[in-house]
């Protein structure tokens, strides 16, 4: 579900970014600059009060993802009810930095893996409104989902490998429960509707919170056209346990049973991935994110507890 770091992380500094801005966007070069976050694919640097610079730093495919955002997010953003980072300028590869990069709008808030929502009903309504607005038929030429927009069955090997790793590390006790959820999801009928716009990476580090509820959605690098079940996994991965029914009542159109079964399968894959990445961080590995573990474990516990419902 997540690309492995494929080469040594790039050495990105404030001085480097200022040089890039002076070369390509000199009108922005004098704005205050500070590190915002080091994500899986990109580093985010705040630029002034309203902008941010996103630069790929540790995965080979990040350039392609940024170019996708630059092409499509400005078209989608006006119709979305939550703030999203909208690309404003494109940085092209150069001698100083041989990769593409972006200047986007800055979206304030804290990632939900660090500051979970506490106003569950409001968060359910906001997430449902966001996904209702996003999940519209995509136009011809929209990016494909690299597998995420299609059937679950091809992910069977990934499921088995992840389950084995989770079990070997002692990260989740009920392997049989996870397998039952997965097998039911993989057996669900495939999506036969139109290819819908899908965020593709709605985990707890890519949704922002403020005042106890969701206030923004970031990182559209995995944006694609396909089965919306991939995004509907967020019901288990992001929301408190007692508001799933409220989300499903607010989301339009009401998802059918097969879509919800597939969504549970995507939630299992994302939950196991979050557990493993969180454990890597606990072990001190550079590509680990310790804060990803607790929400991933909570999601998997809910999925097993509600199996068959």
C-alpha atoms as a PDB file:
ATOM      1  CA  UNK A   1       0.000   0.000   0.000  1.00  0.00           C
ATOM      2  CA  UNK A   2       2.931   2.347   0.554  1.00  0.00           C
ATOM      3  CA  UNK A   3       6.031   2.679  -1.595  1.00  0.00           C
ATOM      4  CA  UNK A   4       9.258   1.669   0.129  1.00  0.00           C
ATOM      5  CA  UNK A   5      11.980   4.275   0.432  1.00  0.00           C
ATOM      6  CA  UNK A   6      14.037   3.483  -2.657  1.00  0.00           C
ATOM      7  CA  UNK A   7      17.118   5.603  -2.190  1.00  0.00           C
ATOM      8  CA  UNK A   8      18.859   7.747   0.409  1.00  0.00           C
ATOM      9  CA  UNK A   9      16.645  10.668   1.456  1.00  0.00           C
ATOM     10  CA  UNK A  10      17.516  13.918  -0.262  1.00  0.00           C
ATOM     11  CA  UNK A  11      19.285  16.552   1.846  1.00  0.00           C
ATOM     12  CA  UNK A  12      16.721  19.351   1.766  1.00  0.00           C
ATOM     13  CA  UNK A  13      17.476  22.567   3.633  1.00  0.00           C
ATOM     14  CA  UNK A  14      15.980  26.020   3.882  1.00  0.00           C
ATOM     15  CA  UNK A  15      18.960  27.396   1.932  1.00  0.00           C
ATOM     16  CA  UNK A  16      18.313  24.953  -0.918  1.00  0.00           C
ATOM     17  CA  UNK A  17      14.644  25.898  -1.108  1.00  0.00           C
ATOM     18  CA  UNK A  18      15.480  29.605  -1.152  1.00  0.00           C
ATOM     19  CA  UNK A  19      17.896  29.012  -4.022  1.00  0.00           C
ATOM     20  CA  UNK A  20      15.197  27.130  -5.932  1.00  0.00           C
ATOM     21  CA  UNK A  21      12.709  29.910  -5.357  1.00  0.00           C
ATOM     22  CA  UNK A  22      15.185  32.601  -6.416  1.00  0.00           C
ATOM     23  CA  UNK A  23      15.862  30.690  -9.622  1.00  0.00           C
ATOM     24  CA  UNK A  24      12.276  29.840 -10.591  1.00  0.00           C
ATOM     25  CA  UNK A  25       9.842  31.933  -8.499  1.00  0.00           C
ATOM     26  CA  UNK A  26      11.837  34.941  -7.277  1.00  0.00           C
ATOM     27  CA  UNK A  27       8.752  36.850  -6.098  1.00  0.00           C
ATOM     28  CA  UNK A  28       8.316  34.210  -3.357  1.00  0.00           C
ATOM     29  CA  UNK A  29      11.952  33.879  -2.299  1.00  0.00           C
ATOM     30  CA  UNK A  30      11.790  36.489   0.478  1.00  0.00           C
ATOM     31  CA  UNK A  31       8.873  34.979   2.393  1.00  0.00           C
ATOM     32  CA  UNK A  32       9.503  33.366   5.807  1.00  0.00           C
ATOM     33  CA  UNK A  33      10.339  29.663   5.495  1.00  0.00           C
ATOM     34  CA  UNK A  34      10.116  26.870   8.074  1.00  0.00           C
ATOM     35  CA  UNK A  35       9.927  23.077   8.048  1.00  0.00           C
ATOM     36  CA  UNK A  36       6.355  21.859   8.379  1.00  0.00           C
ATOM     37  CA  UNK A  37       6.619  18.061   8.131  1.00  0.00           C
ATOM     38  CA  UNK A  38       8.601  15.169   6.695  1.00  0.00           C
ATOM     39  CA  UNK A  39       6.075  12.907   5.018  1.00  0.00           C
ATOM     40  CA  UNK A  40       6.535   9.526   3.398  1.00  0.00           C
ATOM     41  CA  UNK A  41       7.104  10.902  -0.111  1.00  0.00           C
ATOM     42  CA  UNK A  42       7.621  14.623   0.394  1.00  0.00           C
ATOM     43  CA  UNK A  43       8.881  17.258   2.767  1.00  0.00           C
ATOM     44  CA  UNK A  44       6.543  20.169   3.452  1.00  0.00           C
ATOM     45  CA  UNK A  45       7.926  23.625   4.208  1.00  0.00           C
ATOM     46  CA  UNK A  46       5.684  26.506   5.169  1.00  0.00           C
ATOM     47  CA  UNK A  47       6.233  29.586   3.019  1.00  0.00           C
ATOM     48  CA  UNK A  48       4.858  32.776   4.488  1.00  0.00           C
ATOM     49  CA  UNK A  49       1.349  32.630   5.973  1.00  0.00           C
ATOM     50  CA  UNK A  50      -0.566  31.168   3.050  1.00  0.00           C
ATOM     51  CA  UNK A  51       1.783  28.955   1.005  1.00  0.00           C
ATOM     52  CA  UNK A  52       3.865  25.792   1.329  1.00  0.00           C
ATOM     53  CA  UNK A  53       6.643  24.141  -0.672  1.00  0.00           C
ATOM     54  CA  UNK A  54       6.446  20.373  -1.254  1.00  0.00           C
ATOM     55  CA  UNK A  55       9.568  18.562  -2.411  1.00  0.00           C
ATOM     56  CA  UNK A  56      10.082  14.810  -2.971  1.00  0.00           C
ATOM     57  CA  UNK A  57      12.787  13.407  -0.757  1.00  0.00           C
ATOM     58  CA  UNK A  58      12.841   9.622  -0.313  1.00  0.00           C
ATOM     59  CA  UNK A  59      10.727   7.699  -2.843  1.00  0.00           C
ATOM     60  CA  UNK A  60      11.414   7.325  -6.530  1.00  0.00           C
ATOM     61  CA  UNK A  61       7.829   7.903  -7.691  1.00  0.00           C
ATOM     62  CA  UNK A  62       7.101  11.102  -5.793  1.00  0.00           C
ATOM     63  CA  UNK A  63       7.767  13.389  -8.780  1.00  0.00           C
ATOM     64  CA  UNK A  64       4.978  11.737 -10.756  1.00  0.00           C
ATOM     65  CA  UNK A  65       2.593  12.156  -7.826  1.00  0.00           C
ATOM     66  CA  UNK A  66       3.322  15.878  -7.508  1.00  0.00           C
ATOM     67  CA  UNK A  67       2.795  16.398 -11.229  1.00  0.00           C
ATOM     68  CA  UNK A  68      -0.552  14.605 -10.917  1.00  0.00           C
ATOM     69  CA  UNK A  69      -1.585  16.968  -8.131  1.00  0.00           C
ATOM     70  CA  UNK A  70      -0.535  19.969 -10.200  1.00  0.00           C
ATOM     71  CA  UNK A  71      -2.659  18.783 -13.123  1.00  0.00           C
ATOM     72  CA  UNK A  72      -5.859  17.760 -11.332  1.00  0.00           C
ATOM     73  CA  UNK A  73      -6.296  19.204  -7.837  1.00  0.00           C
ATOM     74  CA  UNK A  74      -6.983  22.808  -8.981  1.00  0.00           C
ATOM     75  CA  UNK A  75      -9.931  21.444 -10.984  1.00  0.00           C
ATOM     76  CA  UNK A  76     -11.372  19.544  -8.025  1.00  0.00           C
ATOM     77  CA  UNK A  77     -10.673  21.884  -5.109  1.00  0.00           C
ATOM     78  CA  UNK A  78     -13.444  24.467  -5.722  1.00  0.00           C
ATOM     79  CA  UNK A  79     -16.143  21.822  -5.215  1.00  0.00           C
ATOM     80  CA  UNK A  80     -14.690  20.281  -2.049  1.00  0.00           C
ATOM     81  CA  UNK A  81     -16.150  21.394   1.312  1.00  0.00           C
ATOM     82  CA  UNK A  82     -12.892  20.951   3.274  1.00  0.00           C
ATOM     83  CA  UNK A  83      -9.697  22.922   2.552  1.00  0.00           C
ATOM     84  CA  UNK A  84      -7.080  21.091   0.478  1.00  0.00           C
ATOM     85  CA  UNK A  85      -3.583  22.179  -0.646  1.00  0.00           C
ATOM     86  CA  UNK A  86      -4.035  23.659  -4.119  1.00  0.00           C
ATOM     87  CA  UNK A  87      -0.928  23.822  -6.339  1.00  0.00           C
ATOM     88  CA  UNK A  88      -0.013  27.390  -7.290  1.00  0.00           C
ATOM     89  CA  UNK A  89       3.405  27.031  -8.929  1.00  0.00           C
ATOM     90  CA  UNK A  90       5.393  24.174 -10.425  1.00  0.00           C
ATOM     91  CA  UNK A  91       9.101  23.799  -9.777  1.00  0.00           C
ATOM     92  CA  UNK A  92      10.963  22.000 -12.546  1.00  0.00           C
ATOM     93  CA  UNK A  93      14.062  19.792 -12.192  1.00  0.00           C
ATOM     94  CA  UNK A  94      17.329  21.715 -12.211  1.00  0.00           C
ATOM     95  CA  UNK A  95      21.001  21.326 -11.466  1.00  0.00           C
ATOM     96  CA  UNK A  96      20.403  22.287  -7.841  1.00  0.00           C
ATOM     97  CA  UNK A  97      17.500  19.854  -7.374  1.00  0.00           C
ATOM     98  CA  UNK A  98      16.884  17.266 -10.100  1.00  0.00           C
ATOM     99  CA  UNK A  99      13.223  16.622  -9.292  1.00  0.00           C
ATOM    100  CA  UNK A 100       9.856  18.354  -9.730  1.00  0.00           C
ATOM    101  CA  UNK A 101       8.396  20.252  -6.771  1.00  0.00           C
ATOM    102  CA  UNK A 102       5.354  22.364  -5.945  1.00  0.00           C
ATOM    103  CA  UNK A 103       4.283  25.571  -4.271  1.00  0.00           C
ATOM    104  CA  UNK A 104       0.778  25.004  -2.862  1.00  0.00           C
ATOM    105  CA  UNK A 105      -1.633  26.724  -0.550  1.00  0.00           C
ATOM    106  CA  UNK A 106      -1.063  26.071   3.149  1.00  0.00           C
ATOM    107  CA  UNK A 107      -3.815  24.178   5.011  1.00  0.00           C
ATOM    108  CA  UNK A 108      -3.703  24.755   8.801  1.00  0.00           C
ATOM    109  CA  UNK A 109      -4.422  21.949  11.243  1.00  0.00           C
ATOM    110  CA  UNK A 110      -2.791  18.965  12.948  1.00  0.00           C
ATOM    111  CA  UNK A 111      -2.619  15.458  11.444  1.00  0.00           C
ATOM    112  CA  UNK A 112      -5.233  13.130  12.923  1.00  0.00           C
ATOM    113  CA  UNK A 113      -2.579  10.566  13.876  1.00  0.00           C
ATOM    114  CA  UNK A 114      -1.292  13.150  16.375  1.00  0.00           C
ATOM    115  CA  UNK A 115      -4.516  14.903  17.366  1.00  0.00           C
ATOM    116  CA  UNK A 116      -7.488  12.526  16.888  1.00  0.00           C
ATOM    117  CA  UNK A 117     -11.031  13.858  16.510  1.00  0.00           C
ATOM    118  CA  UNK A 118     -13.180  14.075  19.642  1.00  0.00           C
ATOM    119  CA  UNK A 119     -16.304  15.602  18.067  1.00  0.00           C
ATOM    120  CA  UNK A 120     -17.237  12.376  16.338  1.00  0.00           C
ATOM    121  CA  UNK A 121     -20.615  13.315  14.897  1.00  0.00           C
ATOM    122  CA  UNK A 122     -19.301  16.530  13.394  1.00  0.00           C
ATOM    123  CA  UNK A 123     -16.288  14.692  11.966  1.00  0.00           C
ATOM    124  CA  UNK A 124     -18.563  12.042  10.422  1.00  0.00           C
ATOM    125  CA  UNK A 125     -20.660  14.745   8.769  1.00  0.00           C
ATOM    126  CA  UNK A 126     -17.598  16.565   7.452  1.00  0.00           C
ATOM    127  CA  UNK A 127     -15.958  13.430   6.087  1.00  0.00           C
ATOM    128  CA  UNK A 128     -19.217  12.311   4.471  1.00  0.00           C
ATOM    129  CA  UNK A 129     -19.659  15.720   2.869  1.00  0.00           C
ATOM    130  CA  UNK A 130     -16.114  15.718   1.571  1.00  0.00           C
ATOM    131  CA  UNK A 131     -16.337  12.249   0.033  1.00  0.00           C
ATOM    132  CA  UNK A 132     -19.812  12.905  -1.403  1.00  0.00           C
ATOM    133  CA  UNK A 133     -18.372  15.933  -3.195  1.00  0.00           C
ATOM    134  CA  UNK A 134     -15.214  14.134  -4.349  1.00  0.00           C
ATOM    135  CA  UNK A 135     -16.790  10.870  -5.491  1.00  0.00           C
ATOM    136  CA  UNK A 136     -18.030  12.008  -8.876  1.00  0.00           C
ATOM    137  CA  UNK A 137     -17.445  10.333 -12.258  1.00  0.00           C
ATOM    138  CA  UNK A 138     -13.942  11.180 -13.446  1.00  0.00           C
ATOM    139  CA  UNK A 139     -13.310  12.450 -16.982  1.00  0.00           C
ATOM    140  CA  UNK A 140     -11.485  10.608 -19.719  1.00  0.00           C
ATOM    141  CA  UNK A 141      -7.751  10.764 -19.141  1.00  0.00           C
ATOM    142  CA  UNK A 142      -8.029  10.742 -15.342  1.00  0.00           C
ATOM    143  CA  UNK A 143      -5.187   8.834 -13.644  1.00  0.00           C
ATOM    144  CA  UNK A 144      -5.636   5.164 -12.858  1.00  0.00           C
ATOM    145  CA  UNK A 145      -5.259   3.786  -9.360  1.00  0.00           C
ATOM    146  CA  UNK A 146      -2.273   1.429  -9.714  1.00  0.00           C
ATOM    147  CA  UNK A 147      -4.526  -1.401  -8.484  1.00  0.00           C
ATOM    148  CA  UNK A 148      -6.376   0.454  -5.744  1.00  0.00           C
ATOM    149  CA  UNK A 149      -9.280   1.348  -8.009  1.00  0.00           C
ATOM    150  CA  UNK A 150      -9.909  -2.246  -9.051  1.00  0.00           C
ATOM    151  CA  UNK A 151     -10.714  -5.580  -7.403  1.00  0.00           C
ATOM    152  CA  UNK A 152      -9.310  -6.601  -4.042  1.00  0.00           C
ATOM    153  CA  UNK A 153      -8.346 -10.120  -5.125  1.00  0.00           C
ATOM    154  CA  UNK A 154      -4.938  -9.136  -6.606  1.00  0.00           C
ATOM    155  CA  UNK A 155      -3.964  -7.875  -3.147  1.00  0.00           C
ATOM    156  CA  UNK A 156      -4.259 -11.357  -1.675  1.00  0.00           C
ATOM    157  CA  UNK A 157      -0.505 -11.892  -1.610  1.00  0.00           C
ATOM    158  CA  UNK A 158       0.036  -8.503   0.008  1.00  0.00           C
ATOM    159  CA  UNK A 159      -2.574  -9.378   2.633  1.00  0.00           C
ATOM    160  CA  UNK A 160      -0.835 -12.665   3.457  1.00  0.00           C
ATOM    161  CA  UNK A 161       2.584 -11.029   3.693  1.00  0.00           C
ATOM    162  CA  UNK A 162       1.277  -8.223   5.881  1.00  0.00           C
ATOM    163  CA  UNK A 163      -0.644 -10.597   8.140  1.00  0.00           C
ATOM    164  CA  UNK A 164       2.452 -12.741   8.575  1.00  0.00           C
ATOM    165  CA  UNK A 165       4.540  -9.686   9.517  1.00  0.00           C
ATOM    166  CA  UNK A 166       1.906  -8.338  11.906  1.00  0.00           C
ATOM    167  CA  UNK A 167       1.638 -11.755  13.565  1.00  0.00           C
ATOM    168  CA  UNK A 168       5.394 -12.354  13.786  1.00  0.00           C
ATOM    169  CA  UNK A 169       5.937  -8.970  15.416  1.00  0.00           C
ATOM    170  CA  UNK A 170       3.105  -9.561  17.882  1.00  0.00           C
ATOM    171  CA  UNK A 171       1.279  -6.411  16.780  1.00  0.00           C
ATOM    172  CA  UNK A 172      -2.239  -7.872  16.588  1.00  0.00           C
ATOM    173  CA  UNK A 173      -3.482 -10.980  18.316  1.00  0.00           C
ATOM    174  CA  UNK A 174      -6.553 -11.960  16.284  1.00  0.00           C
ATOM    175  CA  UNK A 175      -5.115 -13.069  12.946  1.00  0.00           C
ATOM    176  CA  UNK A 176      -8.151 -15.277  12.301  1.00  0.00           C
ATOM    177  CA  UNK A 177     -10.440 -12.294  12.756  1.00  0.00           C
ATOM    178  CA  UNK A 178      -8.501 -10.238  10.211  1.00  0.00           C
ATOM    179  CA  UNK A 179      -8.538 -13.126   7.762  1.00  0.00           C
ATOM    180  CA  UNK A 180     -12.314 -13.485   8.103  1.00  0.00           C
ATOM    181  CA  UNK A 181     -12.852  -9.795   7.339  1.00  0.00           C
ATOM    182  CA  UNK A 182     -10.453  -9.949   4.398  1.00  0.00           C
ATOM    183  CA  UNK A 183     -11.935 -13.085   2.854  1.00  0.00           C
ATOM    184  CA  UNK A 184     -15.442 -11.660   3.034  1.00  0.00           C
ATOM    185  CA  UNK A 185     -14.276  -8.417   1.416  1.00  0.00           C
ATOM    186  CA  UNK A 186     -12.323 -10.164  -1.351  1.00  0.00           C
ATOM    187  CA  UNK A 187     -15.390 -12.274  -2.168  1.00  0.00           C
ATOM    188  CA  UNK A 188     -17.656  -9.228  -2.568  1.00  0.00           C
ATOM    189  CA  UNK A 189     -18.823  -8.314  -6.086  1.00  0.00           C
ATOM    190  CA  UNK A 190     -16.489  -5.887  -7.875  1.00  0.00           C
ATOM    191  CA  UNK A 191     -17.392  -2.267  -8.589  1.00  0.00           C
ATOM    192  CA  UNK A 192     -19.370  -1.996 -11.839  1.00  0.00           C
ATOM    193  CA  UNK A 193     -20.209   1.699 -11.729  1.00  0.00           C
ATOM    194  CA  UNK A 194     -18.369   4.540 -13.448  1.00  0.00           C
ATOM    195  CA  UNK A 195     -14.787   5.285 -12.464  1.00  0.00           C
ATOM    196  CA  UNK A 196     -15.123   7.799  -9.632  1.00  0.00           C
ATOM    197  CA  UNK A 197     -12.616  10.326  -8.336  1.00  0.00           C
ATOM    198  CA  UNK A 198     -10.930   8.775  -5.283  1.00  0.00           C
ATOM    199  CA  UNK A 199      -8.388  10.372  -2.933  1.00  0.00           C
ATOM    200  CA  UNK A 200      -6.680   6.999  -2.549  1.00  0.00           C
ATOM    201  CA  UNK A 201      -4.658   7.634   0.619  1.00  0.00           C
ATOM    202  CA  UNK A 202      -7.067   8.640   3.382  1.00  0.00           C
ATOM    203  CA  UNK A 203      -5.126   7.603   6.443  1.00  0.00           C
ATOM    204  CA  UNK A 204      -4.756   9.463   9.709  1.00  0.00           C
ATOM    205  CA  UNK A 205      -1.675  11.463   8.680  1.00  0.00           C
ATOM    206  CA  UNK A 206      -3.431  12.873   5.600  1.00  0.00           C
ATOM    207  CA  UNK A 207      -6.504  14.320   7.328  1.00  0.00           C
ATOM    208  CA  UNK A 208      -6.118  17.422   9.496  1.00  0.00           C
ATOM    209  CA  UNK A 209      -7.945  18.266  12.698  1.00  0.00           C
ATOM    210  CA  UNK A 210      -8.707  21.432  14.637  1.00  0.00           C
ATOM    211  CA  UNK A 211     -11.105  22.068  17.526  1.00  0.00           C
ATOM    212  CA  UNK A 212     -11.845  18.346  17.764  1.00  0.00           C
ATOM    213  CA  UNK A 213     -12.972  17.718  14.205  1.00  0.00           C
ATOM    214  CA  UNK A 214     -11.676  17.457  10.643  1.00  0.00           C
ATOM    215  CA  UNK A 215     -10.529  20.723   9.089  1.00  0.00           C
ATOM    216  CA  UNK A 216      -8.664  19.697   5.917  1.00  0.00           C
ATOM    217  CA  UNK A 217      -7.457  16.882   3.680  1.00  0.00           C
ATOM    218  CA  UNK A 218      -3.921  16.795   2.274  1.00  0.00           C
ATOM    219  CA  UNK A 219      -1.684  14.738  -0.030  1.00  0.00           C
ATOM    220  CA  UNK A 220      -3.554  14.027  -3.254  1.00  0.00           C
ATOM    221  CA  UNK A 221      -0.598  12.230  -4.820  1.00  0.00           C
ATOM    222  CA  UNK A 222      -2.561   8.973  -5.018  1.00  0.00           C
ATOM    223  CA  UNK A 223      -5.623  10.613  -6.588  1.00  0.00           C
ATOM    224  CA  UNK A 224      -7.197   8.281  -9.150  1.00  0.00           C
ATOM    225  CA  UNK A 225     -10.389   7.197 -10.900  1.00  0.00           C
ATOM    226  CA  UNK A 226     -11.912   3.912  -9.763  1.00  0.00           C
ATOM    227  CA  UNK A 227     -13.859   2.185  -6.979  1.00  0.00           C
ATOM    228  CA  UNK A 228     -14.839   4.574  -4.144  1.00  0.00           C
ATOM    229  CA  UNK A 229     -14.642   1.703  -1.634  1.00  0.00           C
ATOM    230  CA  UNK A 230     -10.947   2.511  -1.216  1.00  0.00           C
ATOM    231  CA  UNK A 231     -11.873   5.877   0.339  1.00  0.00           C
ATOM    232  CA  UNK A 232     -14.845   4.540   2.300  1.00  0.00           C
ATOM    233  CA  UNK A 233     -12.351   2.512   4.336  1.00  0.00           C
ATOM    234  CA  UNK A 234     -11.845   5.818   6.181  1.00  0.00           C
ATOM    235  CA  UNK A 235     -15.010   5.080   8.160  1.00  0.00           C
ATOM    236  CA  UNK A 236     -12.952   2.573  10.158  1.00  0.00           C
ATOM    237  CA  UNK A 237      -9.514   4.142   9.748  1.00  0.00           C
ATOM    238  CA  UNK A 238     -10.414   7.709  10.768  1.00  0.00           C
ATOM    239  CA  UNK A 239     -13.693   7.979  12.662  1.00  0.00           C
ATOM    240  CA  UNK A 240     -14.541   7.104  16.280  1.00  0.00           C
ATOM    241  CA  UNK A 241     -16.325   3.797  16.773  1.00  0.00           C
ATOM    242  CA  UNK A 242     -19.853   5.067  17.380  1.00  0.00           C
ATOM    243  CA  UNK A 243     -20.425   7.304  14.337  1.00  0.00           C
ATOM    244  CA  UNK A 244     -20.175   4.908  11.373  1.00  0.00           C
ATOM    245  CA  UNK A 245     -23.965   4.841  10.940  1.00  0.00           C
ATOM    246  CA  UNK A 246     -24.082   8.634  10.938  1.00  0.00           C
ATOM    247  CA  UNK A 247     -21.419   8.753   8.215  1.00  0.00           C
ATOM    248  CA  UNK A 248     -23.264   6.241   6.038  1.00  0.00           C
ATOM    249  CA  UNK A 249     -26.532   8.157   6.461  1.00  0.00           C
ATOM    250  CA  UNK A 250     -24.857  11.420   5.397  1.00  0.00           C
ATOM    251  CA  UNK A 251     -22.792  10.055   2.498  1.00  0.00           C
ATOM    252  CA  UNK A 252     -24.513  10.112  -0.906  1.00  0.00           C
ATOM    253  CA  UNK A 253     -25.400   7.919  -2.619  1.00  0.00           C
ATOM    254  CA  UNK A 254     -25.885   5.404   0.186  1.00  0.00           C
ATOM    255  CA  UNK A 255     -23.229   2.722  -0.393  1.00  0.00           C
ATOM    256  CA  UNK A 256     -24.516  -0.753  -1.201  1.00  0.00           C
ATOM    257  CA  UNK A 257     -23.578  -3.835   0.803  1.00  0.00           C
ATOM    258  CA  UNK A 258     -20.899  -4.992  -1.661  1.00  0.00           C
ATOM    259  CA  UNK A 259     -19.174  -1.599  -1.565  1.00  0.00           C
ATOM    260  CA  UNK A 260     -19.097  -1.637   2.221  1.00  0.00           C
ATOM    261  CA  UNK A 261     -17.661  -5.161   2.215  1.00  0.00           C
ATOM    262  CA  UNK A 262     -14.877  -4.052  -0.139  1.00  0.00           C
ATOM    263  CA  UNK A 263     -14.300  -0.947   1.981  1.00  0.00           C
ATOM    264  CA  UNK A 264     -13.682  -3.182   5.007  1.00  0.00           C
ATOM    265  CA  UNK A 265     -11.062  -5.061   3.009  1.00  0.00           C
ATOM    266  CA  UNK A 266      -9.257  -1.842   2.091  1.00  0.00           C
ATOM    267  CA  UNK A 267      -9.458  -0.808   5.752  1.00  0.00           C
ATOM    268  CA  UNK A 268      -7.770  -4.069   6.799  1.00  0.00           C
ATOM    269  CA  UNK A 269      -4.934  -3.506   4.327  1.00  0.00           C
ATOM    270  CA  UNK A 270      -4.456   0.079   5.445  1.00  0.00           C
ATOM    271  CA  UNK A 271      -4.655  -0.845   9.105  1.00  0.00           C
ATOM    272  CA  UNK A 272      -1.983  -3.533   8.823  1.00  0.00           C
ATOM    273  CA  UNK A 273       0.230  -1.190   6.823  1.00  0.00           C
ATOM    274  CA  UNK A 274      -0.154   1.470   9.522  1.00  0.00           C
ATOM    275  CA  UNK A 275       0.708  -1.036  12.251  1.00  0.00           C
ATOM    276  CA  UNK A 276       3.888  -2.118  10.483  1.00  0.00           C
ATOM    277  CA  UNK A 277       5.003   1.425   9.664  1.00  0.00           C
ATOM    278  CA  UNK A 278       4.274   2.491  13.235  1.00  0.00           C
ATOM    279  CA  UNK A 279       6.299  -0.427  14.576  1.00  0.00           C
ATOM    280  CA  UNK A 280       9.220   0.528  12.332  1.00  0.00           C
ATOM    281  CA  UNK A 281       9.178   3.952  13.952  1.00  0.00           C
ATOM    282  CA  UNK A 282       9.116   2.425  17.423  1.00  0.00           C
ATOM    283  CA  UNK A 283      12.194   0.418  16.429  1.00  0.00           C
ATOM    284  CA  UNK A 284      13.972   3.606  15.416  1.00  0.00           C
ATOM    285  CA  UNK A 285      13.956   2.893  11.695  1.00  0.00           C
ATOM    286  CA  UNK A 286      14.113   6.042   9.577  1.00  0.00           C
ATOM    287  CA  UNK A 287      11.071   5.159   7.464  1.00  0.00           C
ATOM    288  CA  UNK A 288       8.811   4.448  10.459  1.00  0.00           C
ATOM    289  CA  UNK A 289       6.025   6.658  11.789  1.00  0.00           C
ATOM    290  CA  UNK A 290       5.320   5.789  15.457  1.00  0.00           C
ATOM    291  CA  UNK A 291       2.096   7.824  15.523  1.00  0.00           C
ATOM    292  CA  UNK A 292       0.561   5.650  12.795  1.00  0.00           C
ATOM    293  CA  UNK A 293       0.376   2.586  15.036  1.00  0.00           C
ATOM    294  CA  UNK A 294      -2.370   3.470  17.589  1.00  0.00           C
ATOM    295  CA  UNK A 295      -5.063   4.557  15.074  1.00  0.00           C
ATOM    296  CA  UNK A 296      -4.247   1.553  12.875  1.00  0.00           C
ATOM    297  CA  UNK A 297      -4.656  -0.852  15.794  1.00  0.00           C
ATOM    298  CA  UNK A 298      -7.946   0.770  16.800  1.00  0.00           C
ATOM    299  CA  UNK A 299      -9.241   0.406  13.232  1.00  0.00           C
ATOM    300  CA  UNK A 300      -8.356  -3.284  13.066  1.00  0.00           C
ATOM    301  CA  UNK A 301      -9.971  -3.955  16.440  1.00  0.00           C
ATOM    302  CA  UNK A 302     -13.191  -2.324  15.239  1.00  0.00           C
ATOM    303  CA  UNK A 303     -13.166  -4.255  11.970  1.00  0.00           C
ATOM    304  CA  UNK A 304     -12.828  -7.582  13.757  1.00  0.00           C
ATOM    305  CA  UNK A 305     -15.394  -6.663  16.417  1.00  0.00           C
ATOM    306  CA  UNK A 306     -17.998  -5.717  13.780  1.00  0.00           C
ATOM    307  CA  UNK A 307     -17.356  -8.598  11.372  1.00  0.00           C
ATOM    308  CA  UNK A 308     -20.561  -9.805   9.775  1.00  0.00           C
ATOM    309  CA  UNK A 309     -22.537  -6.669  10.648  1.00  0.00           C
END
